[in-house]
């Protein structure tokens, strides 16, 4: 019996600031067993051909299930193999394949009638969020028995990174946490159309750390040790810090846990000097698209946003405008002073 070999691409098209990867040369799997050949798209940050170790694949023969979602594990030869193994239909019938990772996702249904992931929510902790990838393909014996079926994975979430910088020697800015506030947090994915349908629930994703990042003129990552966020693609509607300071409409925003001091050492923010740090936010209205990485660079050189909607005095500017002086130079006025030059003769 020949072993089924499955080879997959582990990449997302259109991922910003990523380099294209070259196809890897792998030996062909000759014979009747179903095999897939790799097709590398744009290399992603989180899931790559190097770190993907297992996938799930379902196959369909017309309106019949050929095999249900089945685990395929990567071997030392870079082939993904399954137990039990499956072979191409001898009559050259075409098969349809639906694949995804990670394999421990709950809510996946792959049947002739429905191919969906339902009630998916990114993990509350950024460190636990996953890079959800999928691929669809068709194949048949006469075309794919020797060469394998090309199967390219695409990233279905948006990746979010926050950086910050400050080029203002008058202040020291310290950041000890980040928030991604009020994106939609639940959705359903259709494997056939590769589209999301979003729910209405929203969430706040937060990460704090004990060793603050001191901002410099060059931007640096302020996500902490948890890595970048993986969130649902969506059109964000931004928080209105002046018209809806308490954010009753649950608008989207980015926030950093911040302390601001003057160069001389006076604490400017938080306003309460008995508090070490407090959240400072800005609204965002980005359209997050699947398979793209969004790098937000917060520039605190000339301002530091607004007090976070969940803190006291929400919507208050953290820093006002630059300190200015008006100078009025008064003209000299002559003031006569009589000073007698007499002497005492007594």
C-alpha atoms as a PDB file:
ATOM      1  CA  UNK A   1       0.000   0.000   0.000  1.00  0.00           C
ATOM      2  CA  UNK A   2       1.424   3.396  -0.931  1.00  0.00           C
ATOM      3  CA  UNK A   3       1.567   6.171   1.636  1.00  0.00           C
ATOM      4  CA  UNK A   4      -0.515   9.266   0.985  1.00  0.00           C
ATOM      5  CA  UNK A   5       1.739  12.328   0.765  1.00  0.00           C
ATOM      6  CA  UNK A   6       0.287  15.816   1.095  1.00  0.00           C
ATOM      7  CA  UNK A   7       2.352  18.964   0.597  1.00  0.00           C
ATOM      8  CA  UNK A   8       1.020  22.389   1.400  1.00  0.00           C
ATOM      9  CA  UNK A   9       1.914  26.039   1.025  1.00  0.00           C
ATOM     10  CA  UNK A  10       1.821  28.028   4.227  1.00  0.00           C
ATOM     11  CA  UNK A  11       1.456  31.601   3.099  1.00  0.00           C
ATOM     12  CA  UNK A  12      -0.898  34.547   2.791  1.00  0.00           C
ATOM     13  CA  UNK A  13      -1.242  36.656  -0.328  1.00  0.00           C
ATOM     14  CA  UNK A  14      -0.879  40.391   0.130  1.00  0.00           C
ATOM     15  CA  UNK A  15       0.737  40.395   3.576  1.00  0.00           C
ATOM     16  CA  UNK A  16       2.293  43.825   3.983  1.00  0.00           C
ATOM     17  CA  UNK A  17       6.077  44.239   4.186  1.00  0.00           C
ATOM     18  CA  UNK A  18       6.776  40.543   3.634  1.00  0.00           C
ATOM     19  CA  UNK A  19       9.128  39.078   1.054  1.00  0.00           C
ATOM     20  CA  UNK A  20       8.155  36.507  -1.546  1.00  0.00           C
ATOM     21  CA  UNK A  21       9.361  33.003  -0.900  1.00  0.00           C
ATOM     22  CA  UNK A  22      10.641  30.679  -3.591  1.00  0.00           C
ATOM     23  CA  UNK A  23       9.076  27.311  -4.271  1.00  0.00           C
ATOM     24  CA  UNK A  24      10.792  24.481  -2.447  1.00  0.00           C
ATOM     25  CA  UNK A  25      11.999  21.499  -4.443  1.00  0.00           C
ATOM     26  CA  UNK A  26      10.524  18.262  -3.108  1.00  0.00           C
ATOM     27  CA  UNK A  27      10.532  14.767  -4.514  1.00  0.00           C
ATOM     28  CA  UNK A  28       7.381  13.620  -6.285  1.00  0.00           C
ATOM     29  CA  UNK A  29       5.195  10.890  -4.855  1.00  0.00           C
ATOM     30  CA  UNK A  30       4.668   8.469  -7.739  1.00  0.00           C
ATOM     31  CA  UNK A  31       1.724   6.095  -7.928  1.00  0.00           C
ATOM     32  CA  UNK A  32      -1.968   6.094  -7.145  1.00  0.00           C
ATOM     33  CA  UNK A  33      -2.022   7.764  -3.708  1.00  0.00           C
ATOM     34  CA  UNK A  34      -3.350  11.301  -3.404  1.00  0.00           C
ATOM     35  CA  UNK A  35      -0.542  13.834  -3.045  1.00  0.00           C
ATOM     36  CA  UNK A  36      -0.206  17.612  -2.936  1.00  0.00           C
ATOM     37  CA  UNK A  37       2.682  19.754  -4.101  1.00  0.00           C
ATOM     38  CA  UNK A  38       3.681  22.964  -2.303  1.00  0.00           C
ATOM     39  CA  UNK A  39       2.970  26.410  -3.706  1.00  0.00           C
ATOM     40  CA  UNK A  40       4.527  29.176  -1.683  1.00  0.00           C
ATOM     41  CA  UNK A  41       2.723  32.503  -1.594  1.00  0.00           C
ATOM     42  CA  UNK A  42       3.957  35.462   0.426  1.00  0.00           C
ATOM     43  CA  UNK A  43       5.669  34.378   3.609  1.00  0.00           C
ATOM     44  CA  UNK A  44       3.793  35.238   6.795  1.00  0.00           C
ATOM     45  CA  UNK A  45       5.043  36.053  10.251  1.00  0.00           C
ATOM     46  CA  UNK A  46       3.129  33.553  12.337  1.00  0.00           C
ATOM     47  CA  UNK A  47       2.569  30.402  10.259  1.00  0.00           C
ATOM     48  CA  UNK A  48       5.156  29.318   7.699  1.00  0.00           C
ATOM     49  CA  UNK A  49       6.091  26.181   5.825  1.00  0.00           C
ATOM     50  CA  UNK A  50       8.799  25.722   8.465  1.00  0.00           C
ATOM     51  CA  UNK A  51       6.616  25.827  11.569  1.00  0.00           C
ATOM     52  CA  UNK A  52       3.412  24.196  10.288  1.00  0.00           C
ATOM     53  CA  UNK A  53       3.424  20.639  11.626  1.00  0.00           C
ATOM     54  CA  UNK A  54      -0.126  19.385  11.071  1.00  0.00           C
ATOM     55  CA  UNK A  55      -3.277  20.245   9.143  1.00  0.00           C
ATOM     56  CA  UNK A  56      -6.803  18.930   8.631  1.00  0.00           C
ATOM     57  CA  UNK A  57      -8.149  18.089   5.169  1.00  0.00           C
ATOM     58  CA  UNK A  58     -11.595  16.969   3.998  1.00  0.00           C
ATOM     59  CA  UNK A  59     -12.293  15.600   0.494  1.00  0.00           C
ATOM     60  CA  UNK A  60     -15.505  15.407  -1.529  1.00  0.00           C
ATOM     61  CA  UNK A  61     -16.529  13.381  -4.583  1.00  0.00           C
ATOM     62  CA  UNK A  62     -19.351  15.401  -6.086  1.00  0.00           C
ATOM     63  CA  UNK A  63     -22.034  15.599  -3.402  1.00  0.00           C
ATOM     64  CA  UNK A  64     -20.520  12.737  -1.407  1.00  0.00           C
ATOM     65  CA  UNK A  65     -17.940  12.863   1.359  1.00  0.00           C
ATOM     66  CA  UNK A  66     -14.791  11.095   0.122  1.00  0.00           C
ATOM     67  CA  UNK A  67     -13.127  11.455   3.529  1.00  0.00           C
ATOM     68  CA  UNK A  68     -14.087  13.513   6.562  1.00  0.00           C
ATOM     69  CA  UNK A  69     -11.695  16.076   8.110  1.00  0.00           C
ATOM     70  CA  UNK A  70      -8.545  14.061   8.655  1.00  0.00           C
ATOM     71  CA  UNK A  71      -5.237  14.880  10.356  1.00  0.00           C
ATOM     72  CA  UNK A  72      -2.137  15.046   8.190  1.00  0.00           C
ATOM     73  CA  UNK A  73       1.171  15.268  10.046  1.00  0.00           C
ATOM     74  CA  UNK A  74       4.448  16.551   8.644  1.00  0.00           C
ATOM     75  CA  UNK A  75       7.232  13.992   8.458  1.00  0.00           C
ATOM     76  CA  UNK A  76      10.993  14.393   8.291  1.00  0.00           C
ATOM     77  CA  UNK A  77      10.772  14.405   4.481  1.00  0.00           C
ATOM     78  CA  UNK A  78       8.449  17.497   4.590  1.00  0.00           C
ATOM     79  CA  UNK A  79       5.504  15.429   3.385  1.00  0.00           C
ATOM     80  CA  UNK A  80       2.217  15.508   5.295  1.00  0.00           C
ATOM     81  CA  UNK A  81       0.842  11.991   5.697  1.00  0.00           C
ATOM     82  CA  UNK A  82      -2.365  10.565   7.105  1.00  0.00           C
ATOM     83  CA  UNK A  83      -3.658   7.366   8.640  1.00  0.00           C
ATOM     84  CA  UNK A  84      -5.548   5.779   6.965  1.00  0.00           C
ATOM     85  CA  UNK A  85      -4.300   6.608   3.487  1.00  0.00           C
ATOM     86  CA  UNK A  86      -6.477   7.410   0.451  1.00  0.00           C
ATOM     87  CA  UNK A  87      -5.936   6.887  -3.285  1.00  0.00           C
ATOM     88  CA  UNK A  88      -7.246   8.566  -6.417  1.00  0.00           C
ATOM     89  CA  UNK A  89     -10.478   7.155  -7.885  1.00  0.00           C
ATOM     90  CA  UNK A  90      -9.584   4.866 -10.806  1.00  0.00           C
ATOM     91  CA  UNK A  91     -12.252   6.381 -13.076  1.00  0.00           C
ATOM     92  CA  UNK A  92     -10.489   9.804 -13.018  1.00  0.00           C
ATOM     93  CA  UNK A  93     -13.310  11.469 -11.068  1.00  0.00           C
ATOM     94  CA  UNK A  94     -12.478  14.921  -9.720  1.00  0.00           C
ATOM     95  CA  UNK A  95     -12.111  15.448  -5.958  1.00  0.00           C
ATOM     96  CA  UNK A  96     -12.552  18.694  -4.040  1.00  0.00           C
ATOM     97  CA  UNK A  97     -10.326  19.415  -1.038  1.00  0.00           C
ATOM     98  CA  UNK A  98     -10.835  21.782   1.915  1.00  0.00           C
ATOM     99  CA  UNK A  99      -7.954  22.216   4.346  1.00  0.00           C
ATOM    100  CA  UNK A 100      -7.267  24.309   7.437  1.00  0.00           C
ATOM    101  CA  UNK A 101      -5.018  24.848  10.453  1.00  0.00           C
ATOM    102  CA  UNK A 102      -4.729  24.831  13.388  1.00  0.00           C
ATOM    103  CA  UNK A 103      -6.278  21.407  13.675  1.00  0.00           C
ATOM    104  CA  UNK A 104      -7.779  21.891  17.158  1.00  0.00           C
ATOM    105  CA  UNK A 105     -10.336  24.489  16.071  1.00  0.00           C
ATOM    106  CA  UNK A 106     -13.824  23.917  17.422  1.00  0.00           C
ATOM    107  CA  UNK A 107     -16.932  24.794  15.417  1.00  0.00           C
ATOM    108  CA  UNK A 108     -15.687  23.469  12.035  1.00  0.00           C
ATOM    109  CA  UNK A 109     -18.232  21.696   9.802  1.00  0.00           C
ATOM    110  CA  UNK A 110     -17.059  20.243   6.464  1.00  0.00           C
ATOM    111  CA  UNK A 111     -19.854  18.302   4.784  1.00  0.00           C
ATOM    112  CA  UNK A 112     -21.385  18.333   1.298  1.00  0.00           C
ATOM    113  CA  UNK A 113     -24.121  20.618   2.669  1.00  0.00           C
ATOM    114  CA  UNK A 114     -22.072  23.045   4.789  1.00  0.00           C
ATOM    115  CA  UNK A 115     -18.458  24.134   4.995  1.00  0.00           C
ATOM    116  CA  UNK A 116     -18.245  26.583   7.861  1.00  0.00           C
ATOM    117  CA  UNK A 117     -16.433  27.670  10.987  1.00  0.00           C
ATOM    118  CA  UNK A 118     -19.050  28.997  13.417  1.00  0.00           C
ATOM    119  CA  UNK A 119     -18.754  31.247  16.458  1.00  0.00           C
ATOM    120  CA  UNK A 120     -15.053  31.887  16.078  1.00  0.00           C
ATOM    121  CA  UNK A 121     -13.585  34.391  18.555  1.00  0.00           C
ATOM    122  CA  UNK A 122      -9.927  35.378  18.927  1.00  0.00           C
ATOM    123  CA  UNK A 123      -8.548  34.359  22.310  1.00  0.00           C
ATOM    124  CA  UNK A 124      -8.870  36.983  25.028  1.00  0.00           C
ATOM    125  CA  UNK A 125      -5.111  36.832  25.670  1.00  0.00           C
ATOM    126  CA  UNK A 126      -3.041  38.054  22.737  1.00  0.00           C
ATOM    127  CA  UNK A 127      -0.457  35.347  23.507  1.00  0.00           C
ATOM    128  CA  UNK A 128      -3.103  32.674  22.856  1.00  0.00           C
ATOM    129  CA  UNK A 129      -4.375  34.038  19.547  1.00  0.00           C
ATOM    130  CA  UNK A 130      -3.894  31.845  16.486  1.00  0.00           C
ATOM    131  CA  UNK A 131      -3.077  32.278  12.816  1.00  0.00           C
ATOM    132  CA  UNK A 132      -6.117  30.693  11.121  1.00  0.00           C
ATOM    133  CA  UNK A 133      -5.283  29.508   7.559  1.00  0.00           C
ATOM    134  CA  UNK A 134      -7.334  27.672   4.902  1.00  0.00           C
ATOM    135  CA  UNK A 135      -6.999  26.321   1.376  1.00  0.00           C
ATOM    136  CA  UNK A 136      -9.352  24.908  -1.271  1.00  0.00           C
ATOM    137  CA  UNK A 137      -8.351  22.871  -4.337  1.00  0.00           C
ATOM    138  CA  UNK A 138      -9.527  20.262  -6.832  1.00  0.00           C
ATOM    139  CA  UNK A 139      -7.660  17.378  -8.441  1.00  0.00           C
ATOM    140  CA  UNK A 140      -7.961  14.154 -10.383  1.00  0.00           C
ATOM    141  CA  UNK A 141      -5.798  11.163 -11.218  1.00  0.00           C
ATOM    142  CA  UNK A 142      -4.889  12.032 -14.817  1.00  0.00           C
ATOM    143  CA  UNK A 143      -3.651  15.490 -13.857  1.00  0.00           C
ATOM    144  CA  UNK A 144      -2.385  15.192 -10.303  1.00  0.00           C
ATOM    145  CA  UNK A 145      -1.340  11.606  -9.616  1.00  0.00           C
ATOM    146  CA  UNK A 146       2.327  12.222 -10.459  1.00  0.00           C
ATOM    147  CA  UNK A 147       2.764  15.936  -9.779  1.00  0.00           C
ATOM    148  CA  UNK A 148       0.407  16.337  -6.855  1.00  0.00           C
ATOM    149  CA  UNK A 149      -2.307  18.920  -6.265  1.00  0.00           C
ATOM    150  CA  UNK A 150      -1.184  22.499  -5.686  1.00  0.00           C
ATOM    151  CA  UNK A 151      -2.574  23.598  -2.325  1.00  0.00           C
ATOM    152  CA  UNK A 152      -1.843  27.150  -1.160  1.00  0.00           C
ATOM    153  CA  UNK A 153      -2.945  28.382   2.259  1.00  0.00           C
ATOM    154  CA  UNK A 154      -4.187  31.915   2.879  1.00  0.00           C
ATOM    155  CA  UNK A 155      -4.361  33.754   6.199  1.00  0.00           C
ATOM    156  CA  UNK A 156      -7.945  34.545   7.188  1.00  0.00           C
ATOM    157  CA  UNK A 157      -7.262  36.974  10.041  1.00  0.00           C
ATOM    158  CA  UNK A 158      -5.651  40.401  10.257  1.00  0.00           C
ATOM    159  CA  UNK A 159      -2.383  40.774  12.167  1.00  0.00           C
ATOM    160  CA  UNK A 160      -1.951  43.886  14.353  1.00  0.00           C
ATOM    161  CA  UNK A 161       1.333  45.319  15.645  1.00  0.00           C
ATOM    162  CA  UNK A 162       1.710  48.539  17.671  1.00  0.00           C
ATOM    163  CA  UNK A 163       4.900  50.564  17.687  1.00  0.00           C
ATOM    164  CA  UNK A 164       5.622  53.926  19.301  1.00  0.00           C
ATOM    165  CA  UNK A 165       8.199  56.712  19.162  1.00  0.00           C
ATOM    166  CA  UNK A 166       8.834  60.188  20.588  1.00  0.00           C
ATOM    167  CA  UNK A 167      11.324  62.754  19.340  1.00  0.00           C
ATOM    168  CA  UNK A 168      10.899  65.436  22.003  1.00  0.00           C
ATOM    169  CA  UNK A 169      13.733  66.000  24.470  1.00  0.00           C
ATOM    170  CA  UNK A 170      11.459  67.981  26.796  1.00  0.00           C
ATOM    171  CA  UNK A 171       9.722  64.780  27.996  1.00  0.00           C
ATOM    172  CA  UNK A 172      10.319  61.164  28.905  1.00  0.00           C
ATOM    173  CA  UNK A 173       7.583  58.790  27.740  1.00  0.00           C
ATOM    174  CA  UNK A 174       7.279  55.340  29.337  1.00  0.00           C
ATOM    175  CA  UNK A 175       4.871  52.661  28.062  1.00  0.00           C
ATOM    176  CA  UNK A 176       4.014  49.528  30.039  1.00  0.00           C
ATOM    177  CA  UNK A 177       1.062  48.076  28.144  1.00  0.00           C
ATOM    178  CA  UNK A 178      -1.211  48.199  25.086  1.00  0.00           C
ATOM    179  CA  UNK A 179      -4.939  47.926  24.431  1.00  0.00           C
ATOM    180  CA  UNK A 180      -6.812  47.223  21.203  1.00  0.00           C
ATOM    181  CA  UNK A 181     -10.258  48.465  22.055  1.00  0.00           C
ATOM    182  CA  UNK A 182     -13.674  47.366  20.804  1.00  0.00           C
ATOM    183  CA  UNK A 183     -13.202  45.481  17.530  1.00  0.00           C
ATOM    184  CA  UNK A 184     -15.917  42.933  16.691  1.00  0.00           C
ATOM    185  CA  UNK A 185     -14.895  39.749  18.469  1.00  0.00           C
ATOM    186  CA  UNK A 186     -17.038  36.975  16.936  1.00  0.00           C
ATOM    187  CA  UNK A 187     -17.683  35.734  13.403  1.00  0.00           C
ATOM    188  CA  UNK A 188     -18.503  32.807  11.102  1.00  0.00           C
ATOM    189  CA  UNK A 189     -16.268  31.746   8.195  1.00  0.00           C
ATOM    190  CA  UNK A 190     -17.443  30.107   4.959  1.00  0.00           C
ATOM    191  CA  UNK A 191     -14.777  27.768   3.520  1.00  0.00           C
ATOM    192  CA  UNK A 192     -16.463  27.746   0.100  1.00  0.00           C
ATOM    193  CA  UNK A 193     -16.599  31.522  -0.421  1.00  0.00           C
ATOM    194  CA  UNK A 194     -13.690  32.392   1.912  1.00  0.00           C
ATOM    195  CA  UNK A 195     -15.828  35.116   3.471  1.00  0.00           C
ATOM    196  CA  UNK A 196     -16.531  36.158   7.063  1.00  0.00           C
ATOM    197  CA  UNK A 197     -19.922  37.111   8.487  1.00  0.00           C
ATOM    198  CA  UNK A 198     -19.433  39.082  11.691  1.00  0.00           C
ATOM    199  CA  UNK A 199     -21.490  39.156  14.857  1.00  0.00           C
ATOM    200  CA  UNK A 200     -22.093  42.166  17.094  1.00  0.00           C
ATOM    201  CA  UNK A 201     -20.135  41.373  20.273  1.00  0.00           C
ATOM    202  CA  UNK A 202     -16.980  43.408  20.855  1.00  0.00           C
ATOM    203  CA  UNK A 203     -13.952  43.027  23.107  1.00  0.00           C
ATOM    204  CA  UNK A 204     -10.907  44.771  24.537  1.00  0.00           C
ATOM    205  CA  UNK A 205      -7.584  42.997  24.042  1.00  0.00           C
ATOM    206  CA  UNK A 206      -4.957  44.091  26.552  1.00  0.00           C
ATOM    207  CA  UNK A 207      -1.351  43.297  27.421  1.00  0.00           C
ATOM    208  CA  UNK A 208       0.671  44.859  30.257  1.00  0.00           C
ATOM    209  CA  UNK A 209       4.259  44.322  31.364  1.00  0.00           C
ATOM    210  CA  UNK A 210       6.403  45.297  34.354  1.00  0.00           C
ATOM    211  CA  UNK A 211       9.467  46.696  32.545  1.00  0.00           C
ATOM    212  CA  UNK A 212       8.364  49.848  30.705  1.00  0.00           C
ATOM    213  CA  UNK A 213       9.539  50.755  27.217  1.00  0.00           C
ATOM    214  CA  UNK A 214      11.159  54.212  27.155  1.00  0.00           C
ATOM    215  CA  UNK A 215      10.372  55.826  23.834  1.00  0.00           C
ATOM    216  CA  UNK A 216      13.074  57.065  21.488  1.00  0.00           C
ATOM    217  CA  UNK A 217      13.132  58.895  18.177  1.00  0.00           C
ATOM    218  CA  UNK A 218      13.053  55.580  16.316  1.00  0.00           C
ATOM    219  CA  UNK A 219       9.842  53.532  16.516  1.00  0.00           C
ATOM    220  CA  UNK A 220       9.943  50.344  18.594  1.00  0.00           C
ATOM    221  CA  UNK A 221       7.490  47.526  19.230  1.00  0.00           C
ATOM    222  CA  UNK A 222       5.419  48.022  22.400  1.00  0.00           C
ATOM    223  CA  UNK A 223       3.407  44.783  22.269  1.00  0.00           C
ATOM    224  CA  UNK A 224       5.348  43.220  25.140  1.00  0.00           C
ATOM    225  CA  UNK A 225       6.412  39.588  25.035  1.00  0.00           C
ATOM    226  CA  UNK A 226       3.087  38.199  23.798  1.00  0.00           C
ATOM    227  CA  UNK A 227       3.624  38.870  20.104  1.00  0.00           C
ATOM    228  CA  UNK A 228       1.270  40.513  17.631  1.00  0.00           C
ATOM    229  CA  UNK A 229      -2.526  40.278  17.751  1.00  0.00           C
ATOM    230  CA  UNK A 230      -4.547  38.121  15.309  1.00  0.00           C
ATOM    231  CA  UNK A 231      -8.050  39.565  14.973  1.00  0.00           C
ATOM    232  CA  UNK A 232     -11.111  39.335  12.738  1.00  0.00           C
ATOM    233  CA  UNK A 233     -11.058  41.287   9.445  1.00  0.00           C
ATOM    234  CA  UNK A 234     -13.486  44.224   9.641  1.00  0.00           C
ATOM    235  CA  UNK A 235     -14.163  47.892   8.985  1.00  0.00           C
ATOM    236  CA  UNK A 236     -13.545  49.647  12.274  1.00  0.00           C
ATOM    237  CA  UNK A 237     -15.680  52.580  13.439  1.00  0.00           C
ATOM    238  CA  UNK A 238     -13.548  54.863  15.590  1.00  0.00           C
ATOM    239  CA  UNK A 239     -14.188  56.143  19.107  1.00  0.00           C
ATOM    240  CA  UNK A 240     -15.262  59.807  19.311  1.00  0.00           C
ATOM    241  CA  UNK A 241     -13.225  61.230  22.221  1.00  0.00           C
ATOM    242  CA  UNK A 242     -14.932  64.636  22.122  1.00  0.00           C
ATOM    243  CA  UNK A 243     -18.562  63.680  21.372  1.00  0.00           C
ATOM    244  CA  UNK A 244     -18.672  60.313  23.160  1.00  0.00           C
ATOM    245  CA  UNK A 245     -15.840  60.397  25.689  1.00  0.00           C
ATOM    246  CA  UNK A 246     -17.167  57.438  27.707  1.00  0.00           C
ATOM    247  CA  UNK A 247     -17.495  55.452  24.433  1.00  0.00           C
ATOM    248  CA  UNK A 248     -21.124  54.423  24.832  1.00  0.00           C
ATOM    249  CA  UNK A 249     -21.121  53.455  21.119  1.00  0.00           C
ATOM    250  CA  UNK A 250     -18.126  51.118  21.578  1.00  0.00           C
ATOM    251  CA  UNK A 251     -15.937  52.786  18.965  1.00  0.00           C
ATOM    252  CA  UNK A 252     -12.530  51.326  18.166  1.00  0.00           C
ATOM    253  CA  UNK A 253      -9.301  52.715  19.592  1.00  0.00           C
ATOM    254  CA  UNK A 254      -5.687  51.959  20.436  1.00  0.00           C
ATOM    255  CA  UNK A 255      -4.408  52.719  23.923  1.00  0.00           C
ATOM    256  CA  UNK A 256      -1.037  52.638  25.682  1.00  0.00           C
ATOM    257  CA  UNK A 257      -0.384  52.486  29.417  1.00  0.00           C
ATOM    258  CA  UNK A 258       1.617  55.660  29.773  1.00  0.00           C
ATOM    259  CA  UNK A 259       3.674  57.819  32.087  1.00  0.00           C
ATOM    260  CA  UNK A 260       4.912  61.238  30.949  1.00  0.00           C
ATOM    261  CA  UNK A 261       7.549  63.241  32.813  1.00  0.00           C
ATOM    262  CA  UNK A 262       9.353  66.458  31.969  1.00  0.00           C
ATOM    263  CA  UNK A 263      13.099  66.333  31.466  1.00  0.00           C
ATOM    264  CA  UNK A 264      13.437  67.883  34.915  1.00  0.00           C
ATOM    265  CA  UNK A 265      11.451  65.011  36.457  1.00  0.00           C
ATOM    266  CA  UNK A 266       7.956  66.454  36.995  1.00  0.00           C
ATOM    267  CA  UNK A 267       5.151  63.953  36.321  1.00  0.00           C
ATOM    268  CA  UNK A 268       2.749  65.318  33.713  1.00  0.00           C
ATOM    269  CA  UNK A 269       0.639  62.175  33.178  1.00  0.00           C
ATOM    270  CA  UNK A 270      -1.156  60.579  34.917  1.00  0.00           C
ATOM    271  CA  UNK A 271      -2.619  63.810  36.236  1.00  0.00           C
ATOM    272  CA  UNK A 272      -2.793  62.216  39.697  1.00  0.00           C
ATOM    273  CA  UNK A 273       0.857  62.059  40.721  1.00  0.00           C
ATOM    274  CA  UNK A 274       0.065  59.225  43.151  1.00  0.00           C
ATOM    275  CA  UNK A 275      -0.540  56.985  40.111  1.00  0.00           C
ATOM    276  CA  UNK A 276       2.393  55.531  38.187  1.00  0.00           C
ATOM    277  CA  UNK A 277       0.724  55.186  34.801  1.00  0.00           C
ATOM    278  CA  UNK A 278      -2.636  55.517  33.064  1.00  0.00           C
ATOM    279  CA  UNK A 279      -4.083  54.617  29.679  1.00  0.00           C
ATOM    280  CA  UNK A 280      -3.903  57.117  26.810  1.00  0.00           C
ATOM    281  CA  UNK A 281      -5.875  56.402  23.630  1.00  0.00           C
ATOM    282  CA  UNK A 282      -6.494  57.441  20.036  1.00  0.00           C
ATOM    283  CA  UNK A 283      -9.411  56.383  17.781  1.00  0.00           C
ATOM    284  CA  UNK A 284      -8.826  54.138  14.750  1.00  0.00           C
ATOM    285  CA  UNK A 285     -11.078  53.594  11.724  1.00  0.00           C
ATOM    286  CA  UNK A 286      -8.997  51.180   9.652  1.00  0.00           C
ATOM    287  CA  UNK A 287     -10.451  48.578   7.314  1.00  0.00           C
ATOM    288  CA  UNK A 288      -8.690  45.395   8.451  1.00  0.00           C
ATOM    289  CA  UNK A 289      -8.432  42.966   5.533  1.00  0.00           C
ATOM    290  CA  UNK A 290      -7.643  39.241   5.871  1.00  0.00           C
ATOM    291  CA  UNK A 291      -4.053  38.223   5.280  1.00  0.00           C
ATOM    292  CA  UNK A 292      -2.628  41.673   5.942  1.00  0.00           C
ATOM    293  CA  UNK A 293      -0.424  42.926   8.756  1.00  0.00           C
ATOM    294  CA  UNK A 294      -1.195  46.396  10.115  1.00  0.00           C
ATOM    295  CA  UNK A 295       1.661  48.218  11.834  1.00  0.00           C
ATOM    296  CA  UNK A 296       0.443  51.208  13.834  1.00  0.00           C
ATOM    297  CA  UNK A 297       3.209  53.650  14.784  1.00  0.00           C
ATOM    298  CA  UNK A 298       2.130  56.042  17.539  1.00  0.00           C
ATOM    299  CA  UNK A 299       4.128  59.291  17.434  1.00  0.00           C
ATOM    300  CA  UNK A 300       4.070  61.029  20.821  1.00  0.00           C
ATOM    301  CA  UNK A 301       6.495  63.783  19.820  1.00  0.00           C
ATOM    302  CA  UNK A 302       3.834  66.509  19.739  1.00  0.00           C
ATOM    303  CA  UNK A 303       0.949  65.015  21.740  1.00  0.00           C
ATOM    304  CA  UNK A 304      -0.116  61.885  23.590  1.00  0.00           C
ATOM    305  CA  UNK A 305      -3.759  61.301  22.672  1.00  0.00           C
ATOM    306  CA  UNK A 306      -6.699  61.325  25.078  1.00  0.00           C
ATOM    307  CA  UNK A 307      -7.470  59.769  28.432  1.00  0.00           C
ATOM    308  CA  UNK A 308      -8.784  56.245  27.751  1.00  0.00           C
ATOM    309  CA  UNK A 309     -12.614  55.942  27.755  1.00  0.00           C
ATOM    310  CA  UNK A 310     -12.441  53.511  30.693  1.00  0.00           C
ATOM    311  CA  UNK A 311     -10.394  55.828  32.951  1.00  0.00           C
ATOM    312  CA  UNK A 312     -11.372  58.908  34.981  1.00  0.00           C
ATOM    313  CA  UNK A 313     -11.728  62.070  32.878  1.00  0.00           C
ATOM    314  CA  UNK A 314     -12.130  60.170  29.586  1.00  0.00           C
ATOM    315  CA  UNK A 315     -11.500  62.136  26.419  1.00  0.00           C
ATOM    316  CA  UNK A 316      -9.305  64.737  28.143  1.00  0.00           C
ATOM    317  CA  UNK A 317      -6.176  65.525  26.093  1.00  0.00           C
ATOM    318  CA  UNK A 318      -3.128  64.060  27.819  1.00  0.00           C
ATOM    319  CA  UNK A 319      -1.045  67.026  26.717  1.00  0.00           C
ATOM    320  CA  UNK A 320      -2.357  70.404  25.665  1.00  0.00           C
ATOM    321  CA  UNK A 321      -0.848  72.489  22.914  1.00  0.00           C
ATOM    322  CA  UNK A 322       2.738  73.702  23.131  1.00  0.00           C
ATOM    323  CA  UNK A 323       3.392  76.213  25.917  1.00  0.00           C
ATOM    324  CA  UNK A 324       3.527  79.707  24.402  1.00  0.00           C
ATOM    325  CA  UNK A 325       4.152  83.187  25.756  1.00  0.00           C
ATOM    326  CA  UNK A 326       3.018  86.561  24.503  1.00  0.00           C
ATOM    327  CA  UNK A 327       5.572  89.258  25.289  1.00  0.00           C
ATOM    328  CA  UNK A 328       4.707  92.933  25.713  1.00  0.00           C
ATOM    329  CA  UNK A 329       7.749  95.210  25.961  1.00  0.00           C
ATOM    330  CA  UNK A 330       6.839  98.433  27.796  1.00  0.00           C
ATOM    331  CA  UNK A 331       8.564 101.635  26.629  1.00  0.00           C
ATOM    332  CA  UNK A 332      10.919 103.334  29.026  1.00  0.00           C
ATOM    333  CA  UNK A 333       9.281 106.206  30.975  1.00  0.00           C
ATOM    334  CA  UNK A 334      11.365 109.055  32.359  1.00  0.00           C
ATOM    335  CA  UNK A 335      10.824 109.568  36.074  1.00  0.00           C
ATOM    336  CA  UNK A 336      12.483 112.853  37.296  1.00  0.00           C
ATOM    337  CA  UNK A 337      14.184 112.692  40.672  1.00  0.00           C
ATOM    338  CA  UNK A 338      15.415 115.981  42.330  1.00  0.00           C
ATOM    339  CA  UNK A 339      18.463 115.475  44.471  1.00  0.00           C
ATOM    340  CA  UNK A 340      19.764 118.661  46.231  1.00  0.00           C
ATOM    341  CA  UNK A 341      23.558 118.927  46.465  1.00  0.00           C
ATOM    342  CA  UNK A 342      23.609 120.912  49.757  1.00  0.00           C
ATOM    343  CA  UNK A 343      25.978 120.445  52.682  1.00  0.00           C
ATOM    344  CA  UNK A 344      25.448 120.903  56.425  1.00  0.00           C
ATOM    345  CA  UNK A 345      27.549 123.888  57.733  1.00  0.00           C
ATOM    346  CA  UNK A 346      26.576 123.560  61.450  1.00  0.00           C
END
